[in-house]
Amino acid sequence: MKIVLLVLLSLVVSPVHAAQWLPNPLRVAQAIGAQPEVQAARARLDAARAQARARAVGPHEVTASAIVQQRNVDEAEGGRGYREYEVQVGRAFRLPGKVALDRSIGELGVLAAELRLDDARHQAARRLLDGWTAWLRADAQRRELDAQLQALRREHAALGRRVQVGDAAQKDLDLLGVDLAQAEAQHLAASSAVDVARQALTTDFPSLPLPARVPEVTVPQPLTEPAEVWARRIVERSHEIAALEADAAQADALAARSRADRFADPTIGLRLMNDRGGAEQALGVVVSVPIGGRYRSATAAAESAAAAALHGDAAALHRDIRREAERSVEAVRVRYAQWQAQRRAWDASQAASQRVHRGWQLGELPLSDWLMAERMQRQIALNETEARIAAEEARLRVLVDSHELWHDE
């Protein structure tokens, strides 16, 4: 009956209640934004925007050249000298279609950088979830072991009083003391694990304030929509896939640009000459066009092949993330069912341990029977704690991967 009530409660628990054991969303956003990987991705976005501006204006610049010379001419009546000069100003111009391609290349580069910035935030959110649930798991284990230790101490003290009045044997007290010592050792290890998990969180996310008391996961929750909906949502919202698809689209534009470059951009300029001290003057138009050859054709072919490769990479990544999404969503169902089974086992072991304990107190059963039942009950309680955290962690991972948790969109 108890497990039925817990399951019914989990079905009506709202996401707001789940937030009780999660950090403040505003603090999370600040902590994620302060991650070095996110800052690096932000700098790469600035670089992509600068590159887009450069591509928009184009690589061609005005070129100016000047020649100043002294001409000496031998003539019949004697030699003469002339000061002469030549000035030329020119600039290459992109052929029609290349400007649009360059702008498209730049815009796609910015898009890919923006998506990778979002993916850097997403990866940071996943790392935070790992660290946070590790902290919750360690403290949940410590809390359970602490309760077990206190119960054993009370039992040991009570048995000690019975030994003093001759109502129990010393060997029973010794046996119980062994279990108490083991419980103390386990409790020390669990307390150390909590400190290690907390320090790891502080190191990885120094700007995230941690509460003095570790939040407790009470009842895990199932997913609220069908599995295929969550899997599709994870794939559709994947920044990693979108970024690689943007890379592939940019590679297509680069390949088109290389094909357009087989017809080189012409350079047009003005040329002014002043010869023989001004006796001869000329003003002309200079046009030069590089003749494309096999190099430009080979470059265009290489860019086309690179674009095809990126499209293949994007398809493979889409497949891998789809498979991982389906696996993650299925893990929620499996771990939730495992927790339900562990909870039923906990209920049964609790009742069995109480019956055996009562039998020992009445002298109907030896202490060894109760110690065996108690050890089993303690292990089942730890298993239930682990299953409870694992079930909620699996659900939260789906929420993070589908951008329902700790994402702006």
Protein backbone atom coordinates (compact mmCIF):
# COMPACT_ATOMS: atom_id res chain seq x y z
CA MET A 1 0.00 0.00 0.00
CA LYS A 2 2.84 2.38 0.84
CA ILE A 3 4.47 2.00 -2.58
CA VAL A 4 1.10 2.57 -4.26
CA LEU A 5 0.67 5.83 -2.39
CA LEU A 6 4.20 6.91 -3.36
CA VAL A 7 3.60 6.18 -7.02
CA LEU A 8 0.29 8.06 -6.99
CA LEU A 9 2.02 10.98 -5.32
CA SER A 10 4.75 10.99 -7.96
CA LEU A 11 2.15 11.28 -10.70
CA VAL A 12 0.75 14.50 -9.28
CA VAL A 13 4.03 16.10 -8.23
CA SER A 14 4.62 19.12 -10.42
CA PRO A 15 7.99 20.17 -11.87
CA VAL A 16 7.97 22.96 -9.29
CA HIS A 17 8.44 20.35 -6.57
CA ALA A 18 11.34 18.83 -8.49
CA ALA A 19 12.98 22.24 -8.35
CA GLN A 20 13.22 21.81 -4.58
CA TRP A 21 16.27 19.58 -5.02
CA LEU A 22 17.73 21.58 -7.92
CA PRO A 23 19.74 24.82 -7.78
CA ASN A 24 18.18 28.20 -8.54
CA PRO A 25 17.77 28.59 -12.35
CA LEU A 26 19.16 32.14 -12.36
CA ARG A 27 22.23 30.99 -10.44
CA VAL A 28 22.59 28.08 -12.83
CA ALA A 29 22.54 30.39 -15.86
CA GLN A 30 25.23 32.56 -14.30
CA ALA A 31 27.38 29.57 -13.40
CA ILE A 32 27.06 28.10 -16.89
CA GLY A 33 27.87 31.44 -18.52
CA ALA A 34 31.05 31.68 -16.44
CA GLN A 35 32.40 28.34 -17.68
CA PRO A 36 35.66 28.69 -19.66
CA GLU A 37 34.29 26.57 -22.50
CA VAL A 38 31.32 28.92 -22.83
CA GLN A 39 33.57 31.98 -22.77
CA ALA A 40 35.77 30.42 -25.45
CA ALA A 41 32.72 29.72 -27.62
CA ARG A 42 31.59 33.31 -27.14
CA ALA A 43 35.00 34.54 -28.34
CA ARG A 44 34.75 32.27 -31.39
CA LEU A 45 31.37 33.82 -32.14
CA ASP A 46 32.96 37.28 -32.07
CA ALA A 47 35.62 35.99 -34.47
CA ALA A 48 32.97 34.54 -36.79
CA ARG A 49 31.13 37.86 -36.87
CA ALA A 50 34.34 39.69 -37.74
CA GLN A 51 35.05 37.18 -40.49
CA ALA A 52 31.52 37.67 -41.83
CA ARG A 53 32.07 41.43 -42.01
CA ALA A 54 35.34 40.84 -43.83
CA ARG A 55 33.69 38.54 -46.35
CA ALA A 56 30.87 41.03 -46.91
CA VAL A 57 33.26 43.81 -47.93
CA GLY A 58 35.46 41.43 -49.90
CA PRO A 59 39.22 40.92 -50.09
CA HIS A 60 39.91 43.44 -52.84
CA GLU A 61 41.43 46.82 -52.02
CA VAL A 62 42.53 49.82 -54.00
CA THR A 63 46.11 49.50 -55.24
CA ALA A 64 48.16 52.55 -56.13
CA SER A 65 51.57 52.59 -57.80
CA ALA A 66 53.86 55.45 -58.87
CA ILE A 67 57.06 55.65 -60.91
CA VAL A 68 59.28 58.70 -60.91
CA GLN A 69 62.30 58.68 -63.20
CA GLN A 70 64.92 60.85 -64.83
CA ARG A 71 65.32 60.37 -68.59
CA ASN A 72 68.53 61.46 -70.32
CA VAL A 73 68.45 61.75 -74.12
CA ASP A 74 71.48 62.26 -76.38
CA GLU A 75 70.57 64.60 -79.25
CA ALA A 76 72.56 66.24 -82.00
CA GLU A 77 72.69 69.59 -80.27
CA GLY A 78 73.60 67.96 -77.00
CA GLY A 79 72.09 65.87 -74.22
CA ARG A 80 68.89 66.75 -72.46
CA GLY A 81 67.28 65.47 -69.29
CA TYR A 82 63.58 64.99 -68.61
CA ARG A 83 61.78 64.34 -65.34
CA GLU A 84 59.01 61.82 -65.91
CA TYR A 85 56.42 60.08 -63.78
CA GLU A 86 53.73 57.46 -64.07
CA VAL A 87 50.79 56.92 -61.67
CA GLN A 88 48.36 54.00 -61.66
CA VAL A 89 45.36 53.37 -59.42
CA GLY A 90 43.33 50.15 -59.69
CA ARG A 91 41.02 47.79 -57.86
CA ALA A 92 39.72 44.29 -58.45
CA PHE A 93 35.95 43.81 -58.52
CA ARG A 94 34.01 40.66 -57.63
CA LEU A 95 31.98 39.25 -60.48
CA PRO A 96 28.18 39.07 -60.12
CA GLY A 97 27.08 36.31 -57.72
CA LYS A 98 30.27 36.24 -55.68
CA VAL A 99 29.15 38.97 -53.30
CA ALA A 100 26.01 37.03 -52.36
CA LEU A 101 28.03 33.86 -51.88
CA ASP A 102 30.53 35.62 -49.62
CA ARG A 103 27.73 37.04 -47.50
CA SER A 104 26.11 33.63 -47.24
CA ILE A 105 29.41 32.05 -46.19
CA GLY A 106 29.83 34.63 -43.46
CA GLU A 107 26.26 34.34 -42.20
CA LEU A 108 26.49 30.55 -42.05
CA GLY A 109 29.76 30.84 -40.14
CA VAL A 110 28.07 33.09 -37.59
CA LEU A 111 25.14 30.68 -37.34
CA ALA A 112 27.47 27.75 -36.69
CA ALA A 113 29.34 29.73 -34.03
CA GLU A 114 26.07 30.73 -32.33
CA LEU A 115 24.95 27.11 -32.28
CA ARG A 116 28.27 25.99 -30.83
CA LEU A 117 27.95 28.63 -28.13
CA ASP A 118 24.53 27.17 -27.30
CA ASP A 119 26.01 23.68 -27.36
CA ALA A 120 28.80 24.77 -25.00
CA ARG A 121 26.13 25.95 -22.59
CA HIS A 122 24.30 22.65 -23.05
CA GLN A 123 27.42 20.60 -22.31
CA ALA A 124 28.05 22.73 -19.22
CA ALA A 125 24.47 22.05 -18.10
CA ARG A 126 25.06 18.32 -18.49
CA ARG A 127 28.26 18.53 -16.44
CA LEU A 128 26.40 20.46 -13.76
CA LEU A 129 23.68 17.82 -13.66
CA ASP A 130 26.33 15.10 -13.27
CA GLY A 131 28.02 16.93 -10.42
CA TRP A 132 24.78 17.92 -8.72
CA THR A 133 23.25 14.45 -8.77
CA ALA A 134 26.55 12.95 -7.61
CA TRP A 135 26.32 15.27 -4.60
CA LEU A 136 22.68 14.35 -3.98
CA ARG A 137 23.49 10.65 -4.33
CA ALA A 138 26.43 10.81 -1.92
CA ASP A 139 24.41 12.68 0.69
CA ALA A 140 21.40 10.39 0.31
CA GLN A 141 23.67 7.42 0.99
CA ARG A 142 25.21 9.23 3.96
CA ARG A 143 21.78 10.11 5.31
CA GLU A 144 20.61 6.51 5.08
CA LEU A 145 23.80 5.19 6.66
CA ASP A 146 23.50 7.79 9.41
CA ALA A 147 19.99 6.59 10.25
CA GLN A 148 21.20 2.98 10.26
CA LEU A 149 24.15 3.88 12.47
CA GLN A 150 21.97 5.68 14.99
CA ALA A 151 19.57 2.73 15.12
CA LEU A 152 22.44 0.29 15.72
CA ARG A 153 23.88 2.50 18.44
CA ARG A 154 20.54 2.56 20.22
CA GLU A 155 20.23 -1.20 19.85
CA HIS A 156 23.79 -1.70 21.09
CA ALA A 157 23.18 0.50 24.12
CA ALA A 158 19.95 -1.30 24.96
CA LEU A 159 21.61 -4.70 24.61
CA GLY A 160 24.47 -3.53 26.79
CA ARG A 161 22.03 -2.72 29.58
CA ARG A 162 20.49 -6.17 29.22
CA VAL A 163 23.92 -7.78 29.47
CA GLN A 164 24.61 -5.84 32.67
CA VAL A 165 21.49 -7.20 34.33
CA GLY A 166 22.12 -10.71 33.04
CA ASP A 167 19.23 -10.70 30.57
CA ALA A 168 21.46 -11.19 27.47
CA ALA A 169 24.73 -12.89 26.63
CA GLN A 170 28.00 -11.05 26.14
CA LYS A 171 28.55 -12.84 22.84
CA ASP A 172 25.40 -11.22 21.47
CA LEU A 173 26.75 -7.82 22.43
CA ASP A 174 30.04 -8.65 20.73
CA LEU A 175 28.26 -9.69 17.53
CA LEU A 176 26.22 -6.52 17.51
CA GLY A 177 29.40 -4.53 18.15
CA VAL A 178 30.90 -5.94 14.94
CA ASP A 179 27.93 -4.71 12.93
CA LEU A 180 28.12 -1.34 14.67
CA ALA A 181 31.80 -0.96 13.80
CA GLN A 182 31.11 -1.82 10.17
CA ALA A 183 28.29 0.72 10.06
CA GLU A 184 30.58 3.39 11.51
CA ALA A 185 33.19 2.67 8.83
CA GLN A 186 30.58 2.88 6.08
CA HIS A 187 29.27 6.14 7.52
CA LEU A 188 32.76 7.67 7.54
CA ALA A 189 33.28 6.67 3.90
CA ALA A 190 29.89 8.11 2.93
CA SER A 191 30.62 11.40 4.72
CA SER A 192 33.92 11.66 2.87
CA ALA A 193 32.13 11.01 -0.44
CA VAL A 194 29.77 13.91 0.28
CA ASP A 195 32.71 16.24 0.92
CA VAL A 196 34.43 15.10 -2.28
CA ALA A 197 31.28 15.62 -4.36
CA ARG A 198 30.72 19.07 -2.87
CA GLN A 199 34.32 20.08 -3.53
CA ALA A 200 34.05 18.87 -7.12
CA LEU A 201 30.98 21.05 -7.63
CA THR A 202 32.72 24.04 -6.07
CA THR A 203 35.76 23.53 -8.28
CA ASP A 204 33.83 23.07 -11.52
CA PHE A 205 31.21 25.76 -10.85
CA PRO A 206 32.79 28.24 -8.41
CA SER A 207 30.12 30.90 -8.97
CA LEU A 208 27.26 28.56 -8.01
CA PRO A 209 26.36 28.92 -4.32
CA LEU A 210 25.63 25.60 -2.64
CA PRO A 211 23.10 25.28 0.18
CA ALA A 212 24.39 24.34 3.61
CA ARG A 213 21.96 21.41 3.72
CA VAL A 214 22.02 19.05 0.77
CA PRO A 215 18.58 18.83 -0.92
CA GLU A 216 16.81 15.50 -0.60
CA VAL A 217 15.13 13.70 -3.48
CA THR A 218 11.93 12.36 -1.99
CA VAL A 219 9.97 10.75 -4.83
CA PRO A 220 11.29 10.47 -8.41
CA GLN A 221 8.93 11.38 -11.22
CA PRO A 222 8.18 9.71 -14.57
CA LEU A 223 8.18 11.57 -17.85
CA THR A 224 4.92 13.34 -18.61
CA GLU A 225 4.77 12.60 -22.37
CA PRO A 226 5.31 9.54 -24.58
CA ALA A 227 8.87 8.37 -25.11
CA GLU A 228 8.89 9.10 -28.85
CA VAL A 229 7.94 12.73 -28.16
CA TRP A 230 10.93 13.21 -25.88
CA ALA A 231 13.33 11.44 -28.24
CA ARG A 232 12.19 13.56 -31.17
CA ARG A 233 12.45 16.71 -29.09
CA ILE A 234 16.03 15.92 -28.11
CA VAL A 235 17.04 15.41 -31.74
CA GLU A 236 15.19 18.45 -33.05
CA ARG A 237 16.72 20.73 -30.44
CA SER A 238 20.26 19.39 -30.67
CA HIS A 239 22.66 22.29 -31.17
CA GLU A 240 25.40 19.85 -32.07
CA ILE A 241 23.47 18.55 -35.08
CA ALA A 242 22.40 22.03 -36.15
CA ALA A 243 25.96 23.36 -35.91
CA LEU A 244 27.33 20.57 -38.11
CA GLU A 245 24.51 21.11 -40.60
CA ALA A 246 25.44 24.81 -40.67
CA ASP A 247 29.05 23.79 -41.34
CA ALA A 248 27.86 21.61 -44.22
CA ALA A 249 25.77 24.45 -45.65
CA GLN A 250 28.74 26.78 -45.37
CA ALA A 251 30.90 24.19 -47.12
CA ASP A 252 28.34 24.09 -49.96
CA ALA A 253 28.62 27.87 -50.27
CA LEU A 254 32.42 27.66 -50.20
CA ALA A 255 32.32 25.05 -52.96
CA ALA A 256 30.05 27.29 -55.04
CA ARG A 257 32.43 30.17 -54.38
CA SER A 258 35.39 28.11 -55.57
CA ARG A 259 33.52 27.17 -58.74
CA ALA A 260 32.75 30.84 -59.31
CA ASP A 261 36.44 31.63 -58.81
CA ARG A 262 37.33 29.65 -61.93
CA PHE A 263 36.45 32.94 -63.59
CA ALA A 264 38.82 35.31 -61.85
CA ASP A 265 37.90 38.81 -60.76
CA PRO A 266 39.08 41.55 -63.14
CA THR A 267 41.18 44.48 -62.02
CA ILE A 268 40.24 47.87 -63.47
CA GLY A 269 42.35 50.99 -63.02
CA LEU A 270 43.44 54.37 -64.37
CA ARG A 271 46.93 55.12 -65.61
CA LEU A 272 48.42 58.59 -65.94
CA MET A 273 51.78 59.17 -67.67
CA ASN A 274 53.89 62.31 -68.00
CA ASP A 275 56.92 61.83 -70.28
CA ARG A 276 59.60 64.09 -71.74
CA GLY A 277 59.01 66.78 -69.18
CA GLY A 278 55.34 67.09 -70.04
CA ALA A 279 55.77 67.01 -73.79
CA GLU A 280 53.97 63.65 -73.83
CA GLN A 281 51.01 62.94 -71.58
CA ALA A 282 48.64 59.99 -71.51
CA LEU A 283 45.58 58.92 -69.55
CA GLY A 284 44.32 55.38 -69.97
CA VAL A 285 42.28 52.56 -68.53
CA VAL A 286 44.05 49.39 -67.40
CA VAL A 287 42.19 46.06 -67.28
CA SER A 288 43.81 42.82 -66.14
CA VAL A 289 42.16 39.41 -65.77
CA PRO A 290 43.94 36.31 -64.43
CA ILE A 291 43.41 33.27 -66.62
CA GLY A 292 42.14 30.40 -64.46
CA GLY A 293 43.65 26.98 -64.95
CA ARG A 294 43.82 23.55 -63.37
CA TYR A 295 44.62 24.91 -59.91
CA ARG A 296 41.28 26.68 -59.62
CA SER A 297 39.42 23.64 -60.94
CA ALA A 298 41.17 21.35 -58.46
CA THR A 299 40.40 23.73 -55.59
CA ALA A 300 36.72 23.78 -56.54
CA ALA A 301 36.64 19.97 -56.66
CA ALA A 302 38.27 19.76 -53.23
CA GLU A 303 35.73 22.15 -51.71
CA SER A 304 32.85 20.14 -53.19
CA ALA A 305 34.25 16.92 -51.74
CA ALA A 306 34.70 18.57 -48.33
CA ALA A 307 31.07 19.70 -48.39
CA ALA A 308 29.89 16.18 -49.22
CA ALA A 309 31.96 14.82 -46.33
CA LEU A 310 30.38 17.27 -43.89
CA HIS A 311 26.90 16.28 -45.02
CA GLY A 312 27.85 12.67 -44.30
CA ASP A 313 29.19 13.64 -40.87
CA ALA A 314 25.95 15.49 -40.10
CA ALA A 315 23.86 12.46 -41.07
CA ALA A 316 26.01 10.19 -38.90
CA LEU A 317 25.76 12.56 -35.95
CA HIS A 318 21.99 12.74 -36.38
CA ARG A 319 21.85 8.95 -36.26
CA ASP A 320 24.07 8.75 -33.16
CA ILE A 321 22.16 11.40 -31.24
CA ARG A 322 18.85 9.79 -32.19
CA ARG A 323 20.09 6.47 -30.83
CA GLU A 324 21.40 8.11 -27.66
CA ALA A 325 18.12 10.01 -27.20
CA GLU A 326 16.07 6.83 -27.47
CA ARG A 327 18.41 5.13 -25.01
CA SER A 328 18.16 8.02 -22.53
CA VAL A 329 14.37 8.11 -22.69
CA GLU A 330 14.14 4.35 -22.25
CA ALA A 331 16.48 4.60 -19.26
CA VAL A 332 13.93 6.80 -17.52
CA ARG A 333 11.26 4.13 -17.80
CA VAL A 334 13.60 1.33 -16.74
CA ARG A 335 15.09 3.16 -13.77
CA TYR A 336 11.70 4.31 -12.58
CA ALA A 337 10.48 0.70 -12.67
CA GLN A 338 13.65 -0.39 -10.87
CA TRP A 339 13.00 2.16 -8.14
CA GLN A 340 9.43 0.90 -7.74
CA ALA A 341 10.75 -2.65 -7.37
CA GLN A 342 13.40 -1.54 -4.89
CA ARG A 343 10.77 0.33 -2.90
CA ARG A 344 8.61 -2.79 -2.70
CA ALA A 345 11.66 -4.75 -1.57
CA TRP A 346 12.37 -2.09 1.05
CA ASP A 347 8.83 -2.30 2.40
CA ALA A 348 9.01 -6.10 2.58
CA SER A 349 12.46 -6.14 4.18
CA GLN A 350 11.40 -3.53 6.73
CA ALA A 351 8.47 -5.65 7.83
CA ALA A 352 10.56 -8.83 7.87
CA SER A 353 13.33 -7.22 9.91
CA GLN A 354 10.82 -5.94 12.45
CA ARG A 355 9.28 -9.41 12.84
CA VAL A 356 12.68 -11.07 13.28
CA HIS A 357 13.73 -8.36 15.72
CA ARG A 358 10.59 -8.95 17.75
CA GLY A 359 11.27 -12.68 17.73
CA TRP A 360 14.80 -12.12 19.02
CA GLN A 361 13.59 -9.79 21.77
CA LEU A 362 11.10 -12.44 22.88
CA GLY A 363 13.82 -15.09 22.87
CA GLU A 364 12.25 -17.05 20.04
CA LEU A 365 15.10 -16.41 17.58
CA PRO A 366 18.86 -16.05 17.99
CA LEU A 367 20.58 -12.70 17.52
CA SER A 368 22.32 -13.99 14.38
CA ASP A 369 18.96 -14.29 12.63
CA TRP A 370 18.10 -10.68 13.37
CA LEU A 371 21.58 -9.46 12.38
CA MET A 372 21.27 -11.26 9.05
CA ALA A 373 17.83 -9.78 8.44
CA GLU A 374 19.06 -6.35 9.52
CA ARG A 375 22.09 -6.48 7.20
CA MET A 376 19.80 -7.41 4.32
CA GLN A 377 17.41 -4.62 5.21
CA ARG A 378 20.24 -2.06 5.37
CA GLN A 379 21.56 -3.10 1.98
CA ILE A 380 18.09 -2.99 0.45
CA ALA A 381 17.61 0.49 1.91
CA LEU A 382 20.85 1.63 0.29
CA ASN A 383 19.76 0.05 -2.99
CA GLU A 384 16.44 1.91 -2.80
CA THR A 385 18.30 5.17 -2.19
CA GLU A 386 20.53 4.59 -5.21
CA ALA A 387 17.56 3.59 -7.39
CA ARG A 388 15.62 6.70 -6.32
CA ILE A 389 18.46 9.06 -7.25
CA ALA A 390 19.19 7.17 -10.49
CA ALA A 391 15.54 7.36 -11.58
CA GLU A 392 15.35 11.10 -11.00
CA GLU A 393 18.77 11.68 -12.60
CA ALA A 394 17.64 9.85 -15.76
CA ARG A 395 14.53 12.03 -15.98
CA LEU A 396 16.48 15.24 -15.40
CA ARG A 397 18.99 14.25 -18.08
CA VAL A 398 16.17 13.95 -20.61
CA LEU A 399 14.89 17.38 -19.55
CA VAL A 400 18.35 18.90 -19.99
CA ASP A 401 18.95 17.21 -23.35
CA SER A 402 15.53 18.33 -24.60
CA HIS A 403 16.27 21.89 -23.41
CA GLU A 404 13.34 21.85 -21.00
CA LEU A 405 15.69 22.46 -18.07
CA TRP A 406 18.51 25.00 -17.68
CA HIS A 407 18.15 26.41 -21.20
CA ASP A 408 16.96 29.82 -22.32
CA GLU A 409 14.80 28.62 -25.21
